[in-house]
Amino acid sequence: EEELVGEFVKYSVRDGKEVNFLRRDSEA
């Protein structure tokens, strides 16, 4: 797959919980 360059962010978790609370306010 394409290499992604930059800060890698986990927006949501695998177990169905809401988007990571630290990242929830970001546009992405």
PDB file of all heavy atoms in Angstrom:
ATOM      1  N   GLU A   1       0.841  -1.196   0.000  1.00  0.00           N
ATOM      2  CA  GLU A   1       0.000   0.000   0.000  1.00  0.00           C
ATOM      3  C   GLU A   1       0.873   1.241   0.000  1.00  0.00           C
ATOM      4  O   GLU A   1       2.081   1.171   0.262  1.00  0.00           O
ATOM      5  CB  GLU A   1      -0.957   0.002   1.198  1.00  0.00           C
ATOM      6  CG  GLU A   1      -0.280   0.064   2.536  1.00  0.00           C
ATOM      7  CD  GLU A   1      -1.274  -0.012   3.693  1.00  0.00           C
ATOM      8  OE1 GLU A   1      -2.483   0.129   3.496  1.00  0.00           O
ATOM      9  OE2 GLU A   1      -0.790  -0.193   4.817  1.00  0.00           O
ATOM     10  N   GLU A   2       0.259   2.364  -0.280  1.00  0.00           N
ATOM     11  CA  GLU A   2       0.946   3.652  -0.301  1.00  0.00           C
ATOM     12  C   GLU A   2       1.555   3.935   1.070  1.00  0.00           C
ATOM     13  O   GLU A   2       0.952   3.654   2.105  1.00  0.00           O
ATOM     14  CB  GLU A   2      -0.089   4.730  -0.640  1.00  0.00           C
ATOM     15  CG  GLU A   2       0.387   6.146  -0.570  1.00  0.00           C
ATOM     16  CD  GLU A   2      -0.745   7.151  -0.788  1.00  0.00           C
ATOM     17  OE1 GLU A   2      -1.852   6.765  -1.185  1.00  0.00           O
ATOM     18  OE2 GLU A   2      -0.492   8.336  -0.531  1.00  0.00           O
ATOM     19  N   GLU A   3       2.747   4.510   1.077  1.00  0.00           N
ATOM     20  CA  GLU A   3       3.368   4.909   2.341  1.00  0.00           C
ATOM     21  C   GLU A   3       2.764   6.246   2.771  1.00  0.00           C
ATOM     22  O   GLU A   3       2.680   7.185   1.978  1.00  0.00           O
ATOM     23  CB  GLU A   3       4.884   5.063   2.171  1.00  0.00           C
ATOM     24  CG  GLU A   3       5.574   5.484   3.440  1.00  0.00           C
ATOM     25  CD  GLU A   3       7.080   5.690   3.269  1.00  0.00           C
ATOM     26  OE1 GLU A   3       7.555   5.733   2.126  1.00  0.00           O
ATOM     27  OE2 GLU A   3       7.757   5.816   4.294  1.00  0.00           O
ATOM     28  N   LEU A   4       2.326   6.307   4.017  1.00  0.00           N
ATOM     29  CA  LEU A   4       1.773   7.549   4.553  1.00  0.00           C
ATOM     30  C   LEU A   4       2.846   8.242   5.373  1.00  0.00           C
ATOM     31  O   LEU A   4       3.387   7.660   6.312  1.00  0.00           O
ATOM     32  CB  LEU A   4       0.542   7.268   5.414  1.00  0.00           C
ATOM     33  CG  LEU A   4      -0.630   6.605   4.693  1.00  0.00           C
ATOM     34  CD1 LEU A   4      -1.782   6.372   5.651  1.00  0.00           C
ATOM     35  CD2 LEU A   4      -1.088   7.450   3.507  1.00  0.00           C
ATOM     36  N   VAL A   5       3.157   9.469   4.996  1.00  0.00           N
ATOM     37  CA  VAL A   5       4.209  10.221   5.662  1.00  0.00           C
ATOM     38  C   VAL A   5       3.578  11.337   6.486  1.00  0.00           C
ATOM     39  O   VAL A   5       2.738  12.081   5.996  1.00  0.00           O
ATOM     40  CB  VAL A   5       5.203  10.822   4.634  1.00  0.00           C
ATOM     41  CG1 VAL A   5       6.285  11.624   5.319  1.00  0.00           C
ATOM     42  CG2 VAL A   5       5.802   9.713   3.786  1.00  0.00           C
ATOM     43  N   GLY A   6       3.956  11.426   7.742  1.00  0.00           N
ATOM     44  CA  GLY A   6       3.420  12.452   8.633  1.00  0.00           C
ATOM     45  C   GLY A   6       3.028  11.833   9.962  1.00  0.00           C
ATOM     46  O   GLY A   6       3.354  10.678  10.246  1.00  0.00           O
ATOM     47  N   GLU A   7       2.307  12.608  10.769  1.00  0.00           N
ATOM     48  CA  GLU A   7       1.897  12.125  12.090  1.00  0.00           C
ATOM     49  C   GLU A   7       0.759  11.122  11.948  1.00  0.00           C
ATOM     50  O   GLU A   7      -0.308  11.418  11.422  1.00  0.00           O
ATOM     51  CB  GLU A   7       1.434  13.291  12.970  1.00  0.00           C
ATOM     52  CG  GLU A   7       1.064  12.849  14.373  1.00  0.00           C
ATOM     53  CD  GLU A   7       0.447  13.964  15.212  1.00  0.00           C
ATOM     54  OE1 GLU A   7       0.361  15.106  14.737  1.00  0.00           O
ATOM     55  OE2 GLU A   7       0.030  13.659  16.337  1.00  0.00           O
ATOM     56  N   PHE A   8       0.998   9.891  12.407  1.00  0.00           N
ATOM     57  CA  PHE A   8       0.006   8.827  12.333  1.00  0.00           C
ATOM     58  C   PHE A   8      -0.909   8.952  13.551  1.00  0.00           C
ATOM     59  O   PHE A   8      -0.452   8.952  14.677  1.00  0.00           O
ATOM     60  CB  PHE A   8       0.710   7.464  12.327  1.00  0.00           C
ATOM     61  CG  PHE A   8      -0.166   6.345  11.882  1.00  0.00           C
ATOM     62  CD1 PHE A   8      -0.324   6.060  10.539  1.00  0.00           C
ATOM     63  CD2 PHE A   8      -0.844   5.573  12.808  1.00  0.00           C
ATOM     64  CE1 PHE A   8      -1.132   5.019  10.116  1.00  0.00           C
ATOM     65  CE2 PHE A   8      -1.657   4.529  12.401  1.00  0.00           C
ATOM     66  CZ  PHE A   8      -1.804   4.255  11.054  1.00  0.00           C
ATOM     67  N   VAL A   9      -2.217   9.083  13.298  1.00  0.00           N
ATOM     68  CA  VAL A   9      -3.189   9.312  14.365  1.00  0.00           C
ATOM     69  C   VAL A   9      -4.242   8.215  14.345  1.00  0.00           C
ATOM     70  O   VAL A   9      -4.719   7.825  13.276  1.00  0.00           O
ATOM     71  CB  VAL A   9      -3.886  10.690  14.187  1.00  0.00           C
ATOM     72  CG1 VAL A   9      -4.927  10.923  15.271  1.00  0.00           C
ATOM     73  CG2 VAL A   9      -2.858  11.812  14.189  1.00  0.00           C
ATOM     74  N   LYS A  10      -4.600   7.737  15.512  1.00  0.00           N
ATOM     75  CA  LYS A  10      -5.683   6.752  15.660  1.00  0.00           C
ATOM     76  C   LYS A  10      -6.943   7.538  16.014  1.00  0.00           C
ATOM     77  O   LYS A  10      -7.051   8.092  17.094  1.00  0.00           O
ATOM     78  CB  LYS A  10      -5.320   5.759  16.757  1.00  0.00           C
ATOM     79  CG  LYS A  10      -6.163   4.544  16.771  1.00  0.00           C
ATOM     80  CD  LYS A  10      -5.545   3.561  17.771  1.00  0.00           C
ATOM     81  CE  LYS A  10      -6.200   2.232  17.711  1.00  0.00           C
ATOM     82  NZ  LYS A  10      -5.781   1.390  16.634  1.00  0.00           N
ATOM     83  N   TYR A  11      -7.896   7.610  15.068  1.00  0.00           N
ATOM     84  CA  TYR A  11      -9.113   8.397  15.275  1.00  0.00           C
ATOM     85  C   TYR A  11     -10.198   7.628  16.005  1.00  0.00           C
ATOM     86  O   TYR A  11     -11.036   8.202  16.667  1.00  0.00           O
ATOM     87  CB  TYR A  11      -9.662   8.895  13.936  1.00  0.00           C
ATOM     88  CG  TYR A  11      -8.727   9.852  13.246  1.00  0.00           C
ATOM     89  CD1 TYR A  11      -8.073   9.496  12.079  1.00  0.00           C
ATOM     90  CD2 TYR A  11      -8.475  11.114  13.779  1.00  0.00           C
ATOM     91  CE1 TYR A  11      -7.203  10.373  11.453  1.00  0.00           C
ATOM     92  CE2 TYR A  11      -7.611  11.999  13.162  1.00  0.00           C
ATOM     93  CZ  TYR A  11      -6.980  11.623  11.999  1.00  0.00           C
ATOM     94  OH  TYR A  11      -6.116  12.482  11.383  1.00  0.00           O
ATOM     95  N   SER A  12     -10.234   6.329  15.841  1.00  0.00           N
ATOM     96  CA  SER A  12     -11.215   5.520  16.557  1.00  0.00           C
ATOM     97  C   SER A  12     -10.557   4.203  16.935  1.00  0.00           C
ATOM     98  O   SER A  12      -9.522   3.844  16.387  1.00  0.00           O
ATOM     99  CB  SER A  12     -12.455   5.261  15.701  1.00  0.00           C
ATOM    100  OG  SER A  12     -12.169   4.369  14.655  1.00  0.00           O
ATOM    101  N   VAL A  13     -11.172   3.502  17.837  1.00  0.00           N
ATOM    102  CA  VAL A  13     -10.578   2.255  18.288  1.00  0.00           C
ATOM    103  C   VAL A  13     -11.355   1.073  17.760  1.00  0.00           C
ATOM    104  O   VAL A  13     -12.503   1.189  17.362  1.00  0.00           O
ATOM    105  CB  VAL A  13     -10.452   2.209  19.825  1.00  0.00           C
ATOM    106  CG1 VAL A  13      -9.427   3.200  20.309  1.00  0.00           C
ATOM    107  CG2 VAL A  13     -11.784   2.453  20.498  1.00  0.00           C
ATOM    108  N   ARG A  14     -10.720  -0.062  17.786  1.00  0.00           N
ATOM    109  CA  ARG A  14     -11.222  -1.267  17.168  1.00  0.00           C
ATOM    110  C   ARG A  14     -12.437  -1.842  17.888  1.00  0.00           C
ATOM    111  O   ARG A  14     -13.207  -2.580  17.322  1.00  0.00           O
ATOM    112  CB  ARG A  14     -10.086  -2.292  17.177  1.00  0.00           C
ATOM    113  CG  ARG A  14     -10.350  -3.530  16.414  1.00  0.00           C
ATOM    114  CD  ARG A  14      -9.179  -4.459  16.492  1.00  0.00           C
ATOM    115  NE  ARG A  14      -7.943  -3.770  16.196  1.00  0.00           N
ATOM    116  CZ  ARG A  14      -6.758  -4.146  16.632  1.00  0.00           C
ATOM    117  NH1 ARG A  14      -6.633  -5.181  17.401  1.00  0.00           N
ATOM    118  NH2 ARG A  14      -5.684  -3.474  16.316  1.00  0.00           N
ATOM    119  N   ASP A  15     -12.625  -1.520  19.135  1.00  0.00           N
ATOM    120  CA  ASP A  15     -13.697  -2.174  19.894  1.00  0.00           C
ATOM    121  C   ASP A  15     -15.029  -1.440  19.829  1.00  0.00           C
ATOM    122  O   ASP A  15     -15.922  -1.692  20.603  1.00  0.00           O
ATOM    123  CB  ASP A  15     -13.290  -2.394  21.345  1.00  0.00           C
ATOM    124  CG  ASP A  15     -13.057  -1.103  22.098  1.00  0.00           C
ATOM    125  OD1 ASP A  15     -13.227  -0.031  21.502  1.00  0.00           O
ATOM    126  OD2 ASP A  15     -12.720  -1.175  23.277  1.00  0.00           O
ATOM    127  N   GLY A  16     -15.190  -0.507  18.895  1.00  0.00           N
ATOM    128  CA  GLY A  16     -16.486   0.116  18.694  1.00  0.00           C
ATOM    129  C   GLY A  16     -16.693   1.393  19.475  1.00  0.00           C
ATOM    130  O   GLY A  16     -17.707   2.049  19.341  1.00  0.00           O
ATOM    131  N   LYS A  17     -15.713   1.758  20.309  1.00  0.00           N
ATOM    132  CA  LYS A  17     -15.877   2.991  21.080  1.00  0.00           C
ATOM    133  C   LYS A  17     -15.773   4.194  20.171  1.00  0.00           C
ATOM    134  O   LYS A  17     -15.288   4.115  19.057  1.00  0.00           O
ATOM    135  CB  LYS A  17     -14.820   3.066  22.186  1.00  0.00           C
ATOM    136  CG  LYS A  17     -15.069   2.052  23.276  1.00  0.00           C
ATOM    137  CD  LYS A  17     -14.049   2.197  24.377  1.00  0.00           C
ATOM    138  CE  LYS A  17     -14.298   1.149  25.447  1.00  0.00           C
ATOM    139  NZ  LYS A  17     -13.232   1.129  26.427  1.00  0.00           N
ATOM    140  N   GLU A  18     -16.223   5.308  20.694  1.00  0.00           N
ATOM    141  CA  GLU A  18     -16.236   6.558  19.937  1.00  0.00           C
ATOM    142  C   GLU A  18     -14.810   6.952  19.550  1.00  0.00           C
ATOM    143  O   GLU A  18     -13.834   6.431  20.077  1.00  0.00           O
ATOM    144  CB  GLU A  18     -16.865   7.645  20.820  1.00  0.00           C
ATOM    145  CG  GLU A  18     -17.019   8.975  20.172  1.00  0.00           C
ATOM    146  CD  GLU A  18     -17.828   8.933  18.901  1.00  0.00           C
ATOM    147  OE1 GLU A  18     -19.043   8.773  18.947  1.00  0.00           O
ATOM    148  OE2 GLU A  18     -17.201   9.059  17.834  1.00  0.00           O
ATOM    149  N   VAL A  19     -14.718   7.883  18.637  1.00  0.00           N
ATOM    150  CA  VAL A  19     -13.434   8.412  18.206  1.00  0.00           C
ATOM    151  C   VAL A  19     -12.608   8.804  19.436  1.00  0.00           C
ATOM    152  O   VAL A  19     -13.141   9.327  20.415  1.00  0.00           O
ATOM    153  CB  VAL A  19     -13.656   9.641  17.295  1.00  0.00           C
ATOM    154  CG1 VAL A  19     -12.397  10.430  17.101  1.00  0.00           C
ATOM    155  CG2 VAL A  19     -14.199   9.196  15.952  1.00  0.00           C
ATOM    156  N   ASN A  20     -11.333   8.512  19.388  1.00  0.00           N
ATOM    157  CA  ASN A  20     -10.381   8.849  20.450  1.00  0.00           C
ATOM    158  C   ASN A  20     -10.677  10.254  20.981  1.00  0.00           C
ATOM    159  O   ASN A  20     -10.709  11.216  20.237  1.00  0.00           O
ATOM    160  CB  ASN A  20      -8.978   8.783  19.824  1.00  0.00           C
ATOM    161  CG  ASN A  20      -7.881   9.123  20.776  1.00  0.00           C
ATOM    162  OD1 ASN A  20      -8.071   9.868  21.736  1.00  0.00           O
ATOM    163  ND2 ASN A  20      -6.713   8.575  20.511  1.00  0.00           N
ATOM    164  N   PHE A  21     -10.906  10.364  22.276  1.00  0.00           N
ATOM    165  CA  PHE A  21     -11.317  11.634  22.869  1.00  0.00           C
ATOM    166  C   PHE A  21     -10.320  12.765  22.613  1.00  0.00           C
ATOM    167  O   PHE A  21     -10.688  13.912  22.500  1.00  0.00           O
ATOM    168  CB  PHE A  21     -11.568  11.472  24.370  1.00  0.00           C
ATOM    169  CG  PHE A  21     -12.820  10.711  24.662  1.00  0.00           C
ATOM    170  CD1 PHE A  21     -12.759   9.454  25.223  1.00  0.00           C
ATOM    171  CD2 PHE A  21     -14.068  11.232  24.352  1.00  0.00           C
ATOM    172  CE1 PHE A  21     -13.916   8.733  25.493  1.00  0.00           C
ATOM    173  CE2 PHE A  21     -15.235  10.524  24.601  1.00  0.00           C
ATOM    174  CZ  PHE A  21     -15.155   9.271  25.174  1.00  0.00           C
ATOM    175  N   LEU A  22      -9.041  12.440  22.521  1.00  0.00           N
ATOM    176  CA  LEU A  22      -8.036  13.474  22.273  1.00  0.00           C
ATOM    177  C   LEU A  22      -8.133  14.010  20.842  1.00  0.00           C
ATOM    178  O   LEU A  22      -7.689  15.103  20.561  1.00  0.00           O
ATOM    179  CB  LEU A  22      -6.631  12.913  22.511  1.00  0.00           C
ATOM    180  CG  LEU A  22      -6.331  12.466  23.936  1.00  0.00           C
ATOM    181  CD1 LEU A  22      -4.962  11.801  24.012  1.00  0.00           C
ATOM    182  CD2 LEU A  22      -6.402  13.645  24.888  1.00  0.00           C
ATOM    183  N   ARG A  23      -8.712  13.228  19.932  1.00  0.00           N
ATOM    184  CA  ARG A  23      -8.771  13.622  18.526  1.00  0.00           C
ATOM    185  C   ARG A  23     -10.183  13.977  18.069  1.00  0.00           C
ATOM    186  O   ARG A  23     -10.389  14.350  16.941  1.00  0.00           O
ATOM    187  CB  ARG A  23      -8.247  12.481  17.635  1.00  0.00           C
ATOM    188  CG  ARG A  23      -6.866  12.006  18.014  1.00  0.00           C
ATOM    189  CD  ARG A  23      -5.828  13.073  17.783  1.00  0.00           C
ATOM    190  NE  ARG A  23      -4.513  12.593  18.169  1.00  0.00           N
ATOM    191  CZ  ARG A  23      -3.439  13.344  18.235  1.00  0.00           C
ATOM    192  NH1 ARG A  23      -3.514  14.618  17.958  1.00  0.00           N
ATOM    193  NH2 ARG A  23      -2.285  12.843  18.587  1.00  0.00           N
ATOM    194  N   ARG A  24     -11.169  13.835  18.945  1.00  0.00           N
ATOM    195  CA  ARG A  24     -12.566  14.011  18.564  1.00  0.00           C
ATOM    196  C   ARG A  24     -12.857  15.412  18.029  1.00  0.00           C
ATOM    197  O   ARG A  24     -13.716  15.592  17.184  1.00  0.00           O
ATOM    198  CB  ARG A  24     -13.460  13.708  19.764  1.00  0.00           C
ATOM    199  CG  ARG A  24     -14.931  13.719  19.425  1.00  0.00           C
ATOM    200  CD  ARG A  24     -15.766  13.263  20.562  1.00  0.00           C
ATOM    201  NE  ARG A  24     -15.560  14.107  21.728  1.00  0.00           N
ATOM    202  CZ  ARG A  24     -15.969  13.800  22.937  1.00  0.00           C
ATOM    203  NH1 ARG A  24     -16.585  12.675  23.149  1.00  0.00           N
ATOM    204  NH2 ARG A  24     -15.746  14.606  23.944  1.00  0.00           N
ATOM    205  N   ASP A  25     -12.150  16.404  18.512  1.00  0.00           N
ATOM    206  CA  ASP A  25     -12.421  17.777  18.101  1.00  0.00           C
ATOM    207  C   ASP A  25     -11.735  18.166  16.802  1.00  0.00           C
ATOM    208  O   ASP A  25     -12.011  19.223  16.250  1.00  0.00           O
ATOM    209  CB  ASP A  25     -12.027  18.750  19.216  1.00  0.00           C
ATOM    210  CG  ASP A  25     -12.899  18.578  20.450  1.00  0.00           C
ATOM    211  OD1 ASP A  25     -14.064  18.138  20.294  1.00  0.00           O
ATOM    212  OD2 ASP A  25     -12.425  18.864  21.554  1.00  0.00           O
ATOM    213  N   SER A  26     -10.847  17.334  16.285  1.00  0.00           N
ATOM    214  CA  SER A  26     -10.190  17.666  15.021  1.00  0.00           C
ATOM    215  C   SER A  26     -11.171  17.446  13.866  1.00  0.00           C
ATOM    216  O   SER A  26     -12.104  16.643  13.967  1.00  0.00           O
ATOM    217  CB  SER A  26      -8.950  16.791  14.818  1.00  0.00           C
ATOM    218  OG  SER A  26      -9.326  15.460  14.514  1.00  0.00           O
ATOM    219  N   GLU A  27     -10.947  18.132  12.780  1.00  0.00           N
ATOM    220  CA  GLU A  27     -11.808  17.977  11.603  1.00  0.00           C
ATOM    221  C   GLU A  27     -11.773  16.539  11.104  1.00  0.00           C
ATOM    222  O   GLU A  27     -12.815  15.936  10.821  1.00  0.00           O
ATOM    223  CB  GLU A  27     -11.367  18.939  10.498  1.00  0.00           C
ATOM    224  CG  GLU A  27     -12.223  18.829   9.248  1.00  0.00           C
ATOM    225  CD  GLU A  27     -11.754  19.737   8.117  1.00  0.00           C
ATOM    226  OE1 GLU A  27     -10.887  20.604   8.345  1.00  0.00           O
ATOM    227  OE2 GLU A  27     -12.267  19.571   7.002  1.00  0.00           O
ATOM    228  N   ALA A  28     -10.571  15.966  10.988  1.00  0.00           N
ATOM    229  CA  ALA A  28     -10.446  14.584  10.509  1.00  0.00           C
ATOM    230  C   ALA A  28     -11.160  13.625  11.458  1.00  0.00           C
ATOM    231  O   ALA A  28     -11.858  12.706  11.018  1.00  0.00           O
ATOM    232  CB  ALA A  28      -8.977  14.200  10.359  1.00  0.00           C
TER     233      ALA A  28
END
